[in-house]
N, C-alpha and C. Protein backbone atom coordinates (compact mmCIF):
# COMPACT_ATOMS: atom_id res chain seq x y z
N MET A 1 210.36 108.67 -11.73
CA MET A 1 209.61 109.27 -10.64
C MET A 1 210.14 108.80 -9.28
N THR A 2 210.46 107.50 -9.17
CA THR A 2 210.95 106.96 -7.90
C THR A 2 212.26 107.63 -7.49
N GLY A 3 213.15 107.84 -8.45
CA GLY A 3 214.43 108.46 -8.14
C GLY A 3 214.26 109.87 -7.60
N LEU A 4 213.39 110.63 -8.23
CA LEU A 4 213.13 111.99 -7.76
C LEU A 4 212.48 111.97 -6.38
N LEU A 5 211.54 111.06 -6.16
CA LEU A 5 210.86 110.96 -4.87
C LEU A 5 211.84 110.58 -3.76
N VAL A 6 212.70 109.60 -4.02
CA VAL A 6 213.71 109.20 -3.02
C VAL A 6 214.66 110.37 -2.75
N ALA A 7 215.11 111.03 -3.81
CA ALA A 7 216.02 112.16 -3.64
C ALA A 7 215.37 113.27 -2.81
N LEU A 8 214.13 113.60 -3.11
CA LEU A 8 213.43 114.64 -2.35
C LEU A 8 213.21 114.25 -0.90
N CYS A 9 212.89 112.99 -0.66
CA CYS A 9 212.72 112.50 0.71
C CYS A 9 214.02 112.67 1.50
N LEU A 10 215.13 112.30 0.89
CA LEU A 10 216.41 112.40 1.58
C LEU A 10 216.82 113.85 1.82
N VAL A 11 216.60 114.71 0.85
CA VAL A 11 216.93 116.12 1.05
C VAL A 11 216.04 116.69 2.16
N GLY A 12 214.76 116.35 2.14
CA GLY A 12 213.85 116.81 3.18
C GLY A 12 214.26 116.32 4.55
N PHE A 13 214.68 115.07 4.60
CA PHE A 13 215.10 114.50 5.88
C PHE A 13 216.43 115.08 6.33
N ALA A 14 217.29 115.45 5.40
CA ALA A 14 218.54 116.13 5.76
C ALA A 14 218.23 117.50 6.37
N VAL A 15 217.20 118.16 5.85
CA VAL A 15 216.80 119.45 6.40
C VAL A 15 216.39 119.31 7.86
N VAL A 16 215.76 118.18 8.22
CA VAL A 16 215.39 117.94 9.62
C VAL A 16 216.65 117.96 10.49
N ASN A 17 217.71 117.29 10.04
CA ASN A 17 218.96 117.29 10.81
C ASN A 17 219.55 118.70 10.91
N ILE A 18 219.45 119.46 9.84
CA ILE A 18 219.96 120.83 9.86
C ILE A 18 219.15 121.68 10.84
N VAL A 19 217.85 121.50 10.85
CA VAL A 19 217.00 122.22 11.81
C VAL A 19 217.38 121.84 13.24
N PHE A 20 217.65 120.55 13.47
CA PHE A 20 218.11 120.12 14.80
C PHE A 20 219.34 120.93 15.22
N GLU A 21 220.25 121.14 14.29
CA GLU A 21 221.47 121.88 14.61
C GLU A 21 221.22 123.37 14.79
N ILE A 22 220.41 123.94 13.95
CA ILE A 22 220.11 125.37 14.06
C ILE A 22 219.41 125.69 15.38
N THR A 23 218.54 124.79 15.81
CA THR A 23 217.74 125.03 17.02
C THR A 23 218.36 124.45 18.29
N ASP A 24 219.55 123.86 18.19
CA ASP A 24 220.18 123.21 19.35
C ASP A 24 219.24 122.19 20.01
N HIS A 25 218.59 121.42 19.18
CA HIS A 25 217.58 120.45 19.64
C HIS A 25 218.10 119.51 20.73
N PHE A 26 219.34 119.10 20.62
CA PHE A 26 219.89 118.14 21.57
C PHE A 26 220.74 118.79 22.66
N ALA A 27 220.72 120.11 22.75
CA ALA A 27 221.58 120.82 23.71
C ALA A 27 221.16 120.60 25.16
N GLY A 28 219.92 120.36 25.41
CA GLY A 28 219.45 120.17 26.79
C GLY A 28 218.77 118.83 26.95
N GLY A 29 218.16 118.66 28.09
CA GLY A 29 217.42 117.42 28.35
C GLY A 29 218.33 116.25 28.62
N ARG A 30 217.79 115.07 28.43
CA ARG A 30 218.54 113.85 28.77
C ARG A 30 219.73 113.60 27.84
N TYR A 31 219.77 114.28 26.69
CA TYR A 31 220.88 114.10 25.76
C TYR A 31 221.88 115.25 25.80
N GLY A 32 221.74 116.15 26.74
CA GLY A 32 222.59 117.34 26.81
C GLY A 32 224.08 117.03 26.85
N ASP A 33 224.47 115.97 27.56
CA ASP A 33 225.88 115.61 27.63
C ASP A 33 226.44 115.13 26.28
N TYR A 34 225.53 114.78 25.40
CA TYR A 34 225.93 114.23 24.10
C TYR A 34 225.76 115.25 22.97
N ALA A 35 225.49 116.51 23.30
CA ALA A 35 225.17 117.52 22.28
C ALA A 35 226.28 117.65 21.23
N ALA A 36 227.52 117.70 21.65
CA ALA A 36 228.62 117.84 20.68
C ALA A 36 228.71 116.62 19.77
N ALA A 37 228.50 115.44 20.33
CA ALA A 37 228.52 114.21 19.53
C ALA A 37 227.35 114.19 18.55
N PHE A 38 226.19 114.63 19.02
CA PHE A 38 225.03 114.70 18.12
C PHE A 38 225.30 115.67 16.97
N THR A 39 226.00 116.74 17.24
CA THR A 39 226.34 117.69 16.18
C THR A 39 227.19 117.01 15.11
N VAL A 40 228.21 116.31 15.52
CA VAL A 40 229.08 115.61 14.56
C VAL A 40 228.26 114.58 13.78
N MET A 41 227.48 113.79 14.48
CA MET A 41 226.69 112.74 13.82
C MET A 41 225.63 113.36 12.90
N ASN A 42 225.00 114.44 13.34
CA ASN A 42 224.00 115.10 12.49
C ASN A 42 224.60 115.55 11.17
N TRP A 43 225.78 116.19 11.22
CA TRP A 43 226.39 116.66 9.98
C TRP A 43 226.89 115.50 9.12
N LEU A 44 227.35 114.44 9.74
CA LEU A 44 227.72 113.24 8.98
C LEU A 44 226.50 112.67 8.26
N VAL A 45 225.40 112.59 8.98
CA VAL A 45 224.16 112.07 8.39
C VAL A 45 223.64 112.99 7.29
N VAL A 46 223.76 114.30 7.48
CA VAL A 46 223.35 115.23 6.42
C VAL A 46 224.16 114.94 5.15
N CYS A 47 225.45 114.77 5.30
CA CYS A 47 226.30 114.45 4.13
C CYS A 47 225.87 113.15 3.47
N LEU A 48 225.63 112.12 4.27
CA LEU A 48 225.21 110.83 3.70
C LEU A 48 223.87 110.95 2.98
N LYS A 49 222.95 111.72 3.55
CA LYS A 49 221.64 111.88 2.92
C LYS A 49 221.74 112.67 1.61
N VAL A 50 222.58 113.68 1.57
CA VAL A 50 222.76 114.46 0.34
C VAL A 50 223.43 113.59 -0.73
N ILE A 51 224.43 112.81 -0.34
CA ILE A 51 225.05 111.88 -1.29
C ILE A 51 224.01 110.87 -1.78
N GLY A 52 223.21 110.35 -0.86
CA GLY A 52 222.16 109.41 -1.23
C GLY A 52 221.15 110.01 -2.19
N ALA A 53 220.79 111.27 -1.96
CA ALA A 53 219.86 111.95 -2.86
C ALA A 53 220.48 112.08 -4.25
N ALA A 54 221.77 112.41 -4.31
CA ALA A 54 222.45 112.53 -5.60
C ALA A 54 222.49 111.19 -6.32
N VAL A 55 222.76 110.13 -5.58
CA VAL A 55 222.79 108.79 -6.18
C VAL A 55 221.41 108.43 -6.74
N ALA A 56 220.36 108.70 -5.98
CA ALA A 56 219.01 108.40 -6.46
C ALA A 56 218.70 109.19 -7.73
N TRP A 57 219.04 110.48 -7.72
CA TRP A 57 218.77 111.32 -8.88
C TRP A 57 219.59 110.87 -10.09
N LEU A 58 220.87 110.57 -9.87
CA LEU A 58 221.72 110.15 -10.98
C LEU A 58 221.24 108.85 -11.61
N SER A 59 220.57 108.01 -10.82
CA SER A 59 220.12 106.72 -11.36
C SER A 59 218.99 106.88 -12.38
N VAL A 60 218.33 108.02 -12.38
CA VAL A 60 217.21 108.21 -13.31
C VAL A 60 217.42 109.35 -14.30
N THR A 61 218.47 110.12 -14.15
CA THR A 61 218.69 111.25 -15.05
C THR A 61 219.22 110.78 -16.40
N THR A 62 218.89 111.53 -17.40
CA THR A 62 219.42 111.22 -18.73
C THR A 62 220.59 112.13 -19.09
N LYS A 63 220.89 113.09 -18.22
CA LYS A 63 222.02 113.98 -18.46
C LYS A 63 223.32 113.23 -18.22
N PRO A 64 224.35 113.53 -19.00
CA PRO A 64 225.64 112.86 -18.79
C PRO A 64 226.28 113.28 -17.46
N TYR A 65 226.93 112.35 -16.83
CA TYR A 65 227.66 112.61 -15.59
C TYR A 65 228.90 111.73 -15.59
N SER A 66 229.85 112.05 -14.73
CA SER A 66 231.14 111.38 -14.80
C SER A 66 231.24 110.11 -13.94
N LEU A 67 230.24 109.79 -13.16
CA LEU A 67 230.27 108.59 -12.33
C LEU A 67 229.99 107.36 -13.21
N SER A 68 230.82 106.34 -13.10
CA SER A 68 230.62 105.16 -13.95
C SER A 68 229.34 104.42 -13.55
N LYS A 69 228.78 103.71 -14.50
CA LYS A 69 227.55 102.94 -14.24
C LYS A 69 227.77 101.89 -13.17
N SER A 70 228.93 101.29 -13.17
CA SER A 70 229.24 100.26 -12.17
C SER A 70 229.29 100.84 -10.77
N VAL A 71 229.94 101.98 -10.62
CA VAL A 71 230.04 102.62 -9.31
C VAL A 71 228.65 103.05 -8.83
N LEU A 72 227.86 103.63 -9.72
CA LEU A 72 226.52 104.04 -9.34
C LEU A 72 225.68 102.83 -8.93
N ALA A 73 225.83 101.72 -9.64
CA ALA A 73 225.08 100.51 -9.28
C ALA A 73 225.47 100.02 -7.88
N VAL A 74 226.77 100.03 -7.58
CA VAL A 74 227.23 99.62 -6.25
C VAL A 74 226.64 100.54 -5.19
N PHE A 75 226.64 101.84 -5.45
CA PHE A 75 226.07 102.81 -4.49
C PHE A 75 224.58 102.57 -4.30
N LEU A 76 223.85 102.30 -5.38
CA LEU A 76 222.41 102.06 -5.27
C LEU A 76 222.12 100.81 -4.45
N TRP A 77 222.80 99.71 -4.77
CA TRP A 77 222.59 98.48 -4.00
C TRP A 77 223.06 98.65 -2.56
N GLY A 78 224.14 99.40 -2.38
CA GLY A 78 224.62 99.65 -1.02
C GLY A 78 223.63 100.46 -0.21
N ALA A 79 223.04 101.49 -0.82
CA ALA A 79 222.03 102.30 -0.12
C ALA A 79 220.82 101.45 0.23
N PHE A 80 220.39 100.63 -0.73
CA PHE A 80 219.25 99.73 -0.47
C PHE A 80 219.54 98.81 0.71
N ALA A 81 220.68 98.15 0.67
CA ALA A 81 221.01 97.19 1.73
C ALA A 81 221.24 97.87 3.07
N THR A 82 221.92 99.00 3.06
CA THR A 82 222.20 99.71 4.31
C THR A 82 220.90 100.13 4.99
N LEU A 83 220.00 100.74 4.23
CA LEU A 83 218.73 101.17 4.82
C LEU A 83 217.85 99.99 5.21
N THR A 84 217.92 98.91 4.45
CA THR A 84 217.13 97.71 4.79
C THR A 84 217.62 97.10 6.09
N VAL A 85 218.94 96.93 6.22
CA VAL A 85 219.49 96.35 7.46
C VAL A 85 219.20 97.27 8.64
N TYR A 86 219.37 98.57 8.45
CA TYR A 86 219.10 99.54 9.51
C TYR A 86 217.62 99.46 9.94
N THR A 87 216.73 99.40 8.96
CA THR A 87 215.30 99.34 9.25
C THR A 87 214.94 98.03 9.94
N LEU A 88 215.48 96.92 9.47
CA LEU A 88 215.19 95.63 10.12
C LEU A 88 215.71 95.61 11.55
N GLY A 89 216.87 96.21 11.78
CA GLY A 89 217.39 96.31 13.15
C GLY A 89 216.47 97.15 14.03
N SER A 90 215.94 98.23 13.46
CA SER A 90 215.01 99.07 14.21
C SER A 90 213.70 98.34 14.49
N VAL A 91 213.23 97.55 13.53
CA VAL A 91 212.03 96.75 13.74
C VAL A 91 212.27 95.73 14.86
N ALA A 92 213.41 95.07 14.83
CA ALA A 92 213.74 94.11 15.89
C ALA A 92 213.79 94.79 17.25
N GLN A 93 214.37 95.98 17.29
CA GLN A 93 214.43 96.73 18.54
C GLN A 93 213.02 97.10 19.01
N ALA A 94 212.17 97.54 18.09
CA ALA A 94 210.80 97.90 18.45
C ALA A 94 210.03 96.69 18.96
N ILE A 95 210.22 95.54 18.32
CA ILE A 95 209.55 94.32 18.78
C ILE A 95 210.00 93.97 20.20
N GLY A 96 211.29 94.10 20.44
CA GLY A 96 211.82 93.85 21.79
C GLY A 96 211.21 94.78 22.82
N ILE A 97 211.01 96.02 22.43
CA ILE A 97 210.41 97.00 23.35
C ILE A 97 208.94 96.68 23.59
N VAL A 98 208.20 96.39 22.50
CA VAL A 98 206.77 96.11 22.62
C VAL A 98 206.52 94.87 23.48
N PHE A 99 207.35 93.86 23.32
CA PHE A 99 207.18 92.63 24.10
C PHE A 99 207.95 92.67 25.42
N GLU A 100 208.34 93.89 25.81
CA GLU A 100 208.96 94.16 27.10
C GLU A 100 210.26 93.37 27.34
N LEU A 101 210.99 93.13 26.27
CA LEU A 101 212.31 92.52 26.40
C LEU A 101 213.33 93.56 26.84
N THR A 102 212.97 94.83 26.64
CA THR A 102 213.76 95.94 27.15
C THR A 102 212.82 96.85 27.92
N ASP A 103 213.34 97.84 28.58
CA ASP A 103 212.50 98.68 29.45
C ASP A 103 212.23 100.07 28.87
N ASN A 104 212.19 100.20 27.56
CA ASN A 104 212.02 101.52 26.95
C ASN A 104 210.66 101.71 26.29
N ALA A 105 209.66 100.95 26.67
CA ALA A 105 208.35 101.02 26.01
C ALA A 105 207.76 102.42 26.04
N GLU A 106 208.02 103.17 27.09
CA GLU A 106 207.45 104.52 27.19
C GLU A 106 208.08 105.50 26.20
N HIS A 107 209.18 105.10 25.56
CA HIS A 107 209.86 106.00 24.64
C HIS A 107 209.41 105.84 23.19
N ILE A 108 208.54 104.89 22.90
CA ILE A 108 208.04 104.71 21.53
C ILE A 108 206.80 105.58 21.35
N ASP A 109 206.84 106.41 20.30
CA ASP A 109 205.68 107.26 20.03
C ASP A 109 205.43 107.29 18.52
N LEU A 110 204.50 108.13 18.10
CA LEU A 110 204.15 108.23 16.69
C LEU A 110 205.34 108.67 15.84
N ALA A 111 206.15 109.57 16.36
CA ALA A 111 207.33 110.04 15.61
C ALA A 111 208.30 108.89 15.34
N ASP A 112 208.48 108.01 16.34
CA ASP A 112 209.36 106.85 16.15
C ASP A 112 208.81 105.91 15.08
N THR A 113 207.53 105.70 15.11
CA THR A 113 206.89 104.83 14.12
C THR A 113 206.99 105.44 12.73
N ALA A 114 206.75 106.74 12.62
CA ALA A 114 206.85 107.43 11.32
C ALA A 114 208.28 107.36 10.79
N TYR A 115 209.26 107.53 11.66
CA TYR A 115 210.68 107.44 11.29
C TYR A 115 210.97 106.07 10.70
N LEU A 116 210.49 105.03 11.35
CA LEU A 116 210.72 103.67 10.89
C LEU A 116 210.06 103.43 9.53
N VAL A 117 208.81 103.85 9.39
CA VAL A 117 208.09 103.68 8.12
C VAL A 117 208.78 104.47 7.01
N PHE A 118 209.24 105.68 7.33
CA PHE A 118 209.95 106.50 6.35
C PHE A 118 211.18 105.75 5.82
N PHE A 119 211.99 105.23 6.72
CA PHE A 119 213.20 104.52 6.29
C PHE A 119 212.86 103.26 5.51
N LEU A 120 211.79 102.58 5.88
CA LEU A 120 211.35 101.40 5.14
C LEU A 120 210.98 101.79 3.71
N LEU A 121 210.23 102.88 3.56
CA LEU A 121 209.82 103.32 2.22
C LEU A 121 211.02 103.76 1.38
N VAL A 122 211.97 104.45 1.99
CA VAL A 122 213.17 104.87 1.24
C VAL A 122 213.99 103.64 0.86
N ALA A 123 214.09 102.66 1.75
CA ALA A 123 214.81 101.42 1.42
C ALA A 123 214.15 100.72 0.23
N ILE A 124 212.83 100.65 0.25
CA ILE A 124 212.10 100.04 -0.87
C ILE A 124 212.36 100.84 -2.15
N GLY A 125 212.34 102.17 -2.03
CA GLY A 125 212.63 103.01 -3.19
C GLY A 125 213.99 102.73 -3.77
N TYR A 126 215.00 102.59 -2.91
CA TYR A 126 216.35 102.27 -3.40
C TYR A 126 216.39 100.88 -4.03
N GLY A 127 215.64 99.93 -3.49
CA GLY A 127 215.57 98.60 -4.10
C GLY A 127 215.01 98.66 -5.51
N VAL A 128 213.95 99.44 -5.67
CA VAL A 128 213.35 99.63 -7.00
C VAL A 128 214.36 100.31 -7.94
N LEU A 129 215.01 101.36 -7.45
CA LEU A 129 215.99 102.07 -8.28
C LEU A 129 217.16 101.17 -8.67
N ALA A 130 217.70 100.43 -7.70
CA ALA A 130 218.85 99.56 -7.97
C ALA A 130 218.50 98.47 -8.98
N GLY A 131 217.37 97.81 -8.78
CA GLY A 131 216.95 96.76 -9.72
C GLY A 131 216.70 97.30 -11.11
N SER A 132 216.00 98.42 -11.18
CA SER A 132 215.69 99.04 -12.47
C SER A 132 216.96 99.49 -13.19
N TYR A 133 217.86 100.12 -12.44
CA TYR A 133 219.11 100.61 -13.03
C TYR A 133 219.94 99.44 -13.56
N ALA A 134 220.04 98.37 -12.79
CA ALA A 134 220.82 97.19 -13.21
C ALA A 134 220.23 96.57 -14.47
N ARG A 135 218.91 96.49 -14.55
CA ARG A 135 218.26 95.92 -15.74
C ARG A 135 218.45 96.83 -16.96
N ARG A 136 218.24 98.13 -16.78
CA ARG A 136 218.36 99.07 -17.91
C ARG A 136 219.75 99.06 -18.52
N HIS A 137 220.76 98.90 -17.67
CA HIS A 137 222.14 98.99 -18.15
C HIS A 137 222.81 97.62 -18.27
N HIS A 138 222.04 96.55 -18.07
CA HIS A 138 222.55 95.18 -18.22
C HIS A 138 223.82 94.96 -17.40
N LEU A 139 223.76 95.31 -16.13
CA LEU A 139 224.93 95.22 -15.26
C LEU A 139 225.01 93.85 -14.60
N ARG A 140 226.22 93.48 -14.24
CA ARG A 140 226.46 92.17 -13.63
C ARG A 140 225.96 92.13 -12.19
N LYS A 141 225.56 90.93 -11.78
CA LYS A 141 225.04 90.73 -10.42
C LYS A 141 226.12 90.96 -9.36
N ARG A 142 227.36 90.82 -9.72
CA ARG A 142 228.43 91.00 -8.73
C ARG A 142 228.45 92.43 -8.19
N LEU A 143 227.96 93.39 -8.98
CA LEU A 143 227.87 94.78 -8.50
C LEU A 143 226.83 94.88 -7.38
N ALA A 144 225.74 94.14 -7.54
CA ALA A 144 224.71 94.11 -6.48
C ALA A 144 225.29 93.47 -5.23
N VAL A 145 226.01 92.39 -5.39
CA VAL A 145 226.61 91.70 -4.25
C VAL A 145 227.61 92.61 -3.55
N LEU A 146 228.42 93.30 -4.32
CA LEU A 146 229.40 94.22 -3.74
C LEU A 146 228.71 95.33 -2.95
N GLY A 147 227.67 95.92 -3.51
CA GLY A 147 226.92 96.97 -2.81
C GLY A 147 226.26 96.45 -1.56
N ILE A 148 225.67 95.27 -1.64
CA ILE A 148 224.99 94.68 -0.48
C ILE A 148 225.99 94.33 0.62
N LEU A 149 227.15 93.82 0.24
CA LEU A 149 228.16 93.49 1.24
C LEU A 149 228.76 94.75 1.90
N GLY A 150 228.63 95.88 1.22
CA GLY A 150 229.12 97.13 1.80
C GLY A 150 228.23 97.67 2.91
N ALA A 151 226.99 97.22 2.98
CA ALA A 151 226.04 97.72 3.98
C ALA A 151 226.54 97.55 5.41
N PRO A 152 227.00 96.36 5.79
CA PRO A 152 227.49 96.23 7.17
C PRO A 152 228.70 97.13 7.46
N VAL A 153 229.51 97.38 6.44
CA VAL A 153 230.68 98.25 6.61
C VAL A 153 230.21 99.68 6.90
N VAL A 154 229.26 100.17 6.11
CA VAL A 154 228.74 101.52 6.31
C VAL A 154 228.10 101.64 7.69
N LEU A 155 227.25 100.67 8.03
CA LEU A 155 226.60 100.72 9.34
C LEU A 155 227.61 100.61 10.47
N GLY A 156 228.60 99.76 10.30
CA GLY A 156 229.64 99.63 11.32
C GLY A 156 230.41 100.92 11.53
N LEU A 157 230.69 101.62 10.44
CA LEU A 157 231.40 102.89 10.56
C LEU A 157 230.53 103.96 11.22
N VAL A 158 229.29 104.10 10.74
CA VAL A 158 228.43 105.17 11.24
C VAL A 158 227.95 104.90 12.67
N LEU A 159 227.59 103.67 12.95
CA LEU A 159 227.02 103.37 14.27
C LEU A 159 228.03 102.85 15.27
N GLY A 160 229.21 102.46 14.81
CA GLY A 160 230.21 101.91 15.72
C GLY A 160 231.50 102.71 15.77
N ALA A 161 232.17 102.78 14.64
CA ALA A 161 233.50 103.40 14.61
C ALA A 161 233.46 104.90 14.90
N VAL A 162 232.51 105.62 14.31
CA VAL A 162 232.46 107.07 14.53
C VAL A 162 232.16 107.38 16.00
N PRO A 163 231.16 106.74 16.62
CA PRO A 163 230.96 107.01 18.06
C PRO A 163 232.18 106.64 18.91
N MET A 164 232.86 105.56 18.58
CA MET A 164 234.07 105.21 19.34
C MET A 164 235.14 106.29 19.16
N LEU A 165 235.27 106.81 17.96
CA LEU A 165 236.22 107.90 17.72
C LEU A 165 235.83 109.15 18.51
N LEU A 166 234.53 109.44 18.56
CA LEU A 166 234.06 110.61 19.31
C LEU A 166 234.35 110.46 20.80
N VAL A 167 234.27 109.26 21.32
CA VAL A 167 234.63 109.02 22.73
C VAL A 167 236.13 109.19 22.89
N ALA A 168 236.90 108.66 21.96
CA ALA A 168 238.36 108.71 22.06
C ALA A 168 238.89 110.14 22.05
N VAL A 169 238.23 111.04 21.34
CA VAL A 169 238.69 112.43 21.28
C VAL A 169 237.90 113.34 22.22
N ASP A 170 237.22 112.74 23.16
CA ASP A 170 236.45 113.45 24.21
C ASP A 170 235.35 114.37 23.70
N ILE A 171 234.76 114.02 22.60
CA ILE A 171 233.59 114.76 22.12
C ILE A 171 232.32 114.14 22.69
N MET A 172 232.39 112.85 22.94
CA MET A 172 231.23 112.12 23.49
C MET A 172 231.66 111.44 24.79
N PRO A 173 230.82 111.52 25.83
CA PRO A 173 231.18 110.84 27.08
C PRO A 173 231.22 109.33 26.91
N SER A 174 232.04 108.66 27.69
CA SER A 174 232.09 107.21 27.66
C SER A 174 230.79 106.65 28.23
N PRO A 175 230.34 105.53 27.68
CA PRO A 175 229.11 104.91 28.23
C PRO A 175 229.32 104.39 29.63
């Protein structure tokens, strides 16, 4: 049940990104200069969410598939760790805003809080899936370590390297 729920959450959340693109959500307003960069990032995130949904579903399906158990375990632990680190970073940012360590307090609303809670729940779901999958298939702990160590790499690529590349190819304005 958890695998299906996580997969459905991710597909649903990918649809939000697709709706952003269909409606040109970021085309105007304070983010208008970044619209092209948001388009690239939105489609990248849609791909990651669809892959994540497939990983969640594959972890609970009984149908045969060609992905090895070890690779799937690394992906599950990696998804868990990536979303956990991302969520903890967002919590730290929110705490900084609430305690006025930054000047963005007026930008926190119910949607931001719901977004944070959503990612926390999906991270917990991946933790449950990863632990359960590892126990069911008697997998080695090194696969968990490998997946967890991959989290900073994924976050570094998505939040650091891709935006730097978008600036370098003039899709995103320099800060």
